[in-house]
Amino acid sequence: MKAKWYWFLIVFLFLGVFLGTLVGVVYDSVADKILYQYAISRQVLFWLVWFGLYQPVILLNQRLTQAKLNRNAKIAWHGLMFIGTISIHHTIYFLISYFIIAPILDVTPDSWIHYFTINGLTGLQVNFIAYWAIVLIDYTTNYYRRYKDEELKTTQMAEKLASAELNALKMQLHPHFLFNTLHAISALMHKDLISAEKMINRLSELLRYSLQNTRQQLTSLHHELEFLELYLEIEKVRFQDRLRVQINIQPELMDAEVPHLILQPLVENALKHGIAPIAQGGEIIISAKQNNSLLVLKVFDNGKSISQQKLGKLQLGIGLQNTQMRLEQLYGDAHSFAIDNCHENGFEVTLKFPLKLIPVYEYQSLDS
């Protein structure tokens, strides 16, 4: 963060007018009206000259800060810089005040010398304060800038680390569900060759879709459902009429932003633990609704219920554990993940996280 030049100008002008007014109060008689005006003019000039010198002082201070010198050497250099700066300041200040301001206000040489003499020591003290104030401001702004740069680097590193962790978590899902699907195909090869061929074709479409979105962490609910439908088509070949799927989602929530591959592990668990163990199969209901500022996603199945002991083990499985970890990385404390046993029939997984609608142009770009 660099200090803006106009802030220095405003501060120096304020100091000139304010201190000039205080000094001018000494000359409060009518006879000293000229000196009153002269006092204000000189103070304004005094600080305007500092305005012209503050940038060179900052540049020299930055050079000195970067120099590989010990503390004593830097203090000595600051002493030389201070002497040089006030020498230049007094030269400019003297020439302008004596040859320009004094003649304009008709100040006599005797009055000018008297004023300059009684204010010389004060001017030296003020110059000392002004010089070190500028140096201190420069040190402060540089420290703040370095602090913000380090903070930005830390944030960027944290984002890269989080992104890497999310990619690692997401990559776990691909071999996991691919292994399960290939296992189902191999089992079907000995029973129904035509159905197995259909599953292979659907799997190729699913993998193509998945590879196109490998690095994508977030997507629209619409795209997530497209991916899920490809997966369900594979499972419908295996389950045939034993599997029924119902999707209850309001149209306006189709543009909601969701983690990519967030629903597939939940549906896979419902199939494996709820639908598959029952001969007559069952129904999976996928729903989404808005609850204030949250998006609520639910995957329910009316299949076999699970005991509390098995439910605890289920939560430690790759699919559900992966889902919980990804939600934690993306949303922190702003999300919730719950599995509810529905007593007589099946169980329900509920996800809650902040609702964010993807703008139309971003939504369309996902198709490209």
Foldseek 3Di string as FASTA:
>chain_A
DDDDLVVLVVVLQVQLQVVLQVVLVVQVDPVCPLVSVLSSVLSSLLSVLVSVCLVVLLVVLVVLVPDPDDPVVSVVVLVVVLVVSVVVSCVVSVCCSPVPVCVVSVPDPVNVVVVCVVCVVVSSVVSVVSSVVSSVVSVVVVVVVVVVVVVVVVVVVLVVVLLVVLLVLVVVVVVVVVVVLVVLLVVCCVPPVVLSVVLVVLVVVLVVLCVLCSSPFKAFQLSLVVSVVSVVVNVCSSCPQLEAEAEAEDPVRRQWMDTRPLCNLVVVCCCVPFFVVDPSGWYWYWYWDDDPQKIKIKIWIFGQFDDPVVVVVVCVDSSNVSSVVNCCSPANPQKDWDKATPVHGTIMIMIMHGTDGDDPVVNVVVVD
